[in-house]
Protein backbone atom coordinates (compact mmCIF):
# COMPACT_ATOMS: atom_id res chain seq x y z
CA MET A 1 38.11 -105.04 42.38
CA ASP A 2 41.57 -104.30 41.15
CA ARG A 3 44.38 -104.40 43.82
CA PHE A 4 45.26 -101.14 45.09
CA HIS A 5 49.47 -100.85 45.55
CA ILE A 6 50.74 -98.86 48.21
CA VAL A 7 54.40 -97.74 48.69
CA ILE A 8 54.82 -96.56 52.26
CA ALA A 9 58.34 -93.47 53.28
CA ASP A 10 58.56 -93.16 56.45
CA ASP A 11 62.43 -93.04 58.38
CA HIS A 12 61.51 -95.26 61.16
CA ALA A 13 61.95 -98.73 60.58
CA LEU A 14 58.80 -100.25 62.97
CA ILE A 15 56.30 -97.85 61.30
CA ARG A 16 56.93 -99.37 57.96
CA GLN A 17 56.92 -102.43 59.12
CA GLY A 18 53.54 -102.12 61.21
CA LEU A 19 51.88 -100.68 58.57
CA ARG A 20 52.90 -102.87 55.95
CA ARG A 21 51.01 -106.03 58.34
CA ILE A 22 48.66 -103.58 58.85
CA ILE A 23 47.42 -102.86 54.95
CA GLN A 24 48.25 -106.46 53.96
CA GLY A 25 45.61 -107.99 55.84
CA VAL A 26 42.93 -106.00 53.65
CA ALA A 27 42.69 -108.11 50.21
CA ASP A 28 42.79 -105.32 47.90
CA LEU A 29 45.56 -103.40 49.04
CA GLU A 30 49.29 -104.33 48.63
CA VAL A 31 52.62 -103.04 49.85
CA VAL A 32 55.05 -102.51 46.97
CA GLY A 33 57.74 -101.24 48.09
CA GLU A 34 59.54 -99.68 50.92
CA ALA A 35 61.29 -96.12 51.09
CA GLY A 36 62.99 -94.71 54.15
CA ASP A 37 64.36 -91.02 53.18
CA GLY A 38 63.27 -88.68 50.53
CA ASN A 39 65.91 -89.47 48.12
CA ASP A 40 65.14 -93.45 48.34
CA LEU A 41 61.69 -92.60 47.62
CA LEU A 42 61.85 -90.71 44.65
CA SER A 43 64.42 -93.61 43.16
CA LEU A 44 62.32 -96.33 44.03
CA LEU A 45 59.62 -94.15 42.28
CA ASN A 46 61.68 -94.41 39.27
CA THR A 47 60.94 -98.21 39.13
CA LEU A 48 57.42 -98.54 40.42
CA THR A 49 54.53 -96.57 39.80
CA PRO A 50 51.84 -97.01 43.05
CA HIS A 51 48.47 -96.02 43.42
CA LEU A 52 49.43 -94.50 46.62
CA VAL A 53 52.22 -93.22 48.50
CA ILE A 54 52.27 -92.74 52.57
CA LEU A 55 54.74 -90.03 53.44
CA ASP A 56 55.66 -89.21 56.54
CA ILE A 57 56.20 -85.50 56.54
CA SER A 58 60.23 -85.36 58.18
CA MET A 59 61.93 -87.22 55.73
CA PRO A 60 65.44 -87.27 55.63
CA ASN A 61 67.55 -85.72 53.05
CA LEU A 62 64.72 -84.14 50.82
CA ARG A 63 61.65 -83.25 53.20
CA GLY A 64 58.34 -84.19 52.67
CA ILE A 65 56.96 -81.34 51.41
CA ASP A 66 59.42 -80.93 48.45
CA ALA A 67 59.24 -85.09 47.87
CA ILE A 68 55.43 -84.11 47.77
CA ARG A 69 57.00 -81.65 44.69
CA ALA A 70 59.33 -84.30 42.85
CA ILE A 71 55.82 -86.69 42.95
CA LYS A 72 53.81 -84.47 41.65
CA ALA A 73 55.96 -83.34 39.01
CA ASN A 74 57.44 -86.66 37.82
CA SER A 75 54.06 -88.68 38.79
CA PRO A 76 51.08 -86.58 38.83
CA GLY A 77 48.67 -89.62 38.66
CA VAL A 78 50.26 -91.07 41.84
CA LYS A 79 47.85 -90.07 45.08
CA ILE A 80 49.70 -88.90 48.33
CA LEU A 81 48.98 -89.45 51.44
CA ILE A 82 50.32 -87.37 54.54
CA LEU A 83 50.90 -89.70 58.02
CA THR A 84 52.46 -87.32 60.62
CA MET A 85 52.49 -85.94 63.93
CA HIS A 86 52.82 -82.70 62.82
CA ARG A 87 49.82 -80.86 62.55
CA GLU A 88 51.24 -77.52 61.53
CA TYR A 89 52.21 -78.70 57.52
CA VAL A 90 48.19 -79.61 56.85
CA HIS A 91 47.78 -76.39 54.83
CA GLN A 92 51.28 -76.52 53.19
CA ALA A 93 50.91 -80.20 52.26
CA LEU A 94 47.87 -79.73 50.44
CA SER A 95 48.29 -76.50 48.64
CA THR A 96 51.60 -78.49 47.37
CA GLY A 97 49.75 -81.45 46.11
CA ALA A 98 49.11 -83.96 49.21
CA ASP A 99 45.46 -85.69 48.90
CA GLY A 100 45.10 -86.45 52.20
CA TYR A 101 46.90 -85.47 55.80
CA LEU A 102 46.13 -87.64 58.78
CA LEU A 103 48.01 -87.49 62.19
CA LYS A 104 49.77 -90.73 63.05
CA GLU A 105 47.32 -90.69 66.49
CA ASP A 106 44.36 -91.35 64.32
CA ALA A 107 46.17 -93.46 62.36
CA ASP A 108 45.02 -96.63 64.16
CA ARG A 109 41.08 -95.67 63.50
CA ASP A 110 41.09 -93.85 60.51
CA LEU A 111 44.02 -95.30 58.28
CA PHE A 112 42.15 -97.13 55.74
CA SER A 113 38.90 -94.50 56.03
CA ALA A 114 41.69 -91.99 54.42
CA ILE A 115 42.83 -94.78 52.08
CA GLU A 116 39.17 -95.32 50.61
CA ASN A 117 38.07 -91.61 50.34
CA ILE A 118 41.44 -91.23 48.22
CA ARG A 119 41.03 -94.06 46.21
CA ASP A 120 37.70 -93.11 45.70
CA GLY A 121 39.40 -89.46 44.44
CA ARG A 122 38.66 -87.55 47.41
CA ILE A 123 40.91 -85.47 49.51
CA TYR A 124 40.82 -86.79 53.25
CA LEU A 125 42.12 -84.78 56.44
CA SER A 126 42.12 -86.06 60.17
CA PRO A 127 38.75 -85.27 62.14
CA ARG A 128 40.86 -83.45 64.28
CA LEU A 129 42.06 -81.04 61.59
CA THR A 130 38.93 -80.70 60.12
CA ASN A 131 37.99 -78.76 63.08
CA SER A 132 40.87 -76.88 63.44
CA LEU A 133 39.95 -75.44 59.89
CA VAL A 134 36.95 -74.79 60.52
CA LYS A 135 38.40 -72.80 63.33
CA ASP A 136 40.82 -70.83 60.60
CA ARG A 137 38.09 -70.26 58.29
CA ILE A 138 36.23 -68.69 61.01
CA HIS A 139 38.97 -66.72 62.15
CA ALA A 140 39.78 -65.26 58.80
CA SER A 141 36.06 -64.20 58.20
CA ALA A 142 35.78 -62.18 61.23
CA SER A 143 39.05 -60.68 60.24
CA GLN A 144 37.31 -60.15 57.00
CA PRO A 145 33.63 -60.04 58.15
CA LEU A 146 30.99 -61.29 55.14
CA SER A 147 28.08 -58.14 54.82
CA LEU A 148 24.80 -59.26 54.85
CA ARG A 149 24.02 -59.90 51.28
CA GLU A 150 27.30 -62.03 51.07
CA LYS A 151 25.87 -64.20 53.61
CA GLY A 152 22.80 -64.69 51.71
CA VAL A 153 24.64 -65.49 48.60
CA LEU A 154 26.32 -67.54 50.75
CA LYS A 155 23.32 -69.62 51.73
CA LEU A 156 21.73 -69.87 48.58
CA ILE A 157 25.48 -71.09 47.12
CA ALA A 158 24.85 -73.76 49.90
CA GLU A 159 21.55 -74.84 49.23
CA GLY A 160 22.62 -75.42 45.47
CA LYS A 161 21.16 -72.44 43.87
CA SER A 162 23.01 -71.37 40.54
CA ASN A 163 24.14 -68.00 39.66
CA LYS A 164 20.75 -67.33 37.43
CA GLU A 165 18.15 -68.77 40.15
CA ILE A 166 20.41 -66.18 43.50
CA ALA A 167 20.08 -63.67 41.26
CA SER A 168 16.14 -63.87 40.38
CA LEU A 169 15.80 -64.36 44.04
CA LEU A 170 17.78 -61.40 45.57
CA VAL A 171 16.73 -59.67 42.16
CA ILE A 172 20.09 -58.08 41.31
CA SER A 173 22.25 -59.28 38.18
CA ILE A 174 24.19 -62.30 37.71
CA ARG A 175 27.17 -60.38 37.06
CA THR A 176 26.94 -58.99 41.00
CA VAL A 177 25.91 -62.41 42.22
CA GLU A 178 29.89 -63.64 40.69
CA SER A 179 31.34 -60.07 42.38
CA HIS A 180 29.58 -61.40 45.52
CA ARG A 181 30.56 -64.89 45.24
CA ALA A 182 34.91 -64.03 44.03
CA SER A 183 34.73 -61.25 47.18
CA ILE A 184 33.21 -64.56 49.55
CA LEU A 185 36.00 -67.08 48.38
CA ASN A 186 38.79 -64.42 48.95
CA LYS A 187 37.37 -63.41 52.55
CA LEU A 188 37.41 -66.83 53.81
CA LYS A 189 40.21 -68.56 51.75
CA LEU A 190 37.96 -70.90 49.81
CA LYS A 191 39.10 -71.99 45.94
CA ASN A 192 35.28 -73.39 44.62
CA THR A 193 32.12 -73.91 45.20
CA ALA A 194 32.39 -77.34 47.04
CA ASP A 195 34.18 -75.84 49.47
CA LEU A 196 31.98 -73.10 50.25
CA VAL A 197 29.32 -75.71 51.19
CA LYS A 198 31.51 -77.28 53.44
CA TYR A 199 32.33 -74.27 55.08
CA ALA A 200 28.19 -73.47 55.32
CA ILE A 201 27.52 -76.89 56.65
CA GLN A 202 30.50 -76.60 59.23
CA THR A 203 29.76 -73.33 60.17
CA GLY A 204 26.16 -73.27 60.65
CA SER A 205 25.42 -70.68 57.88
CA LEU A 206 22.68 -73.09 56.23
């Protein structure tokens, strides 16, 4: 397997050094650079093209969120794992383009899981954050509750049924199914079918 190149960006030298030692202990991972602030990180990425940047959200000179935007604009193929003590920026980081969000309190247990998930093209969230996001979705659906019909459509979507199959089972038109799907996504503030399936599993809608 090809070596997976990583850049670490954190304003605390001890954290950078600790992460480097941990990561370098894995045969197919290699730390190819470090940066202590956002501007240094962008300068480093002018000469390096790593597979992954591990980025603290609280960076001097250039905030982590702004660094995400700049990295994705200049090097869209570079993955970004936010590693932070702050929980409150998860929505903003992911919507800006981060590929993962790991709390520092979980790093000793979940760092390599986060790296491997992102390496395989998946989004990674700390388990504590996943639980809180599910609660957010439940709160969102409580403020805009799904109708009985929408709950039925959601269940069938989560079971992998196509729009055509759902229309046949519920004896409604495909256009009506599409309308229900759009309404469900809007009410739950989700983006796609994969998100709907995750929501249905996590909230017991199946």
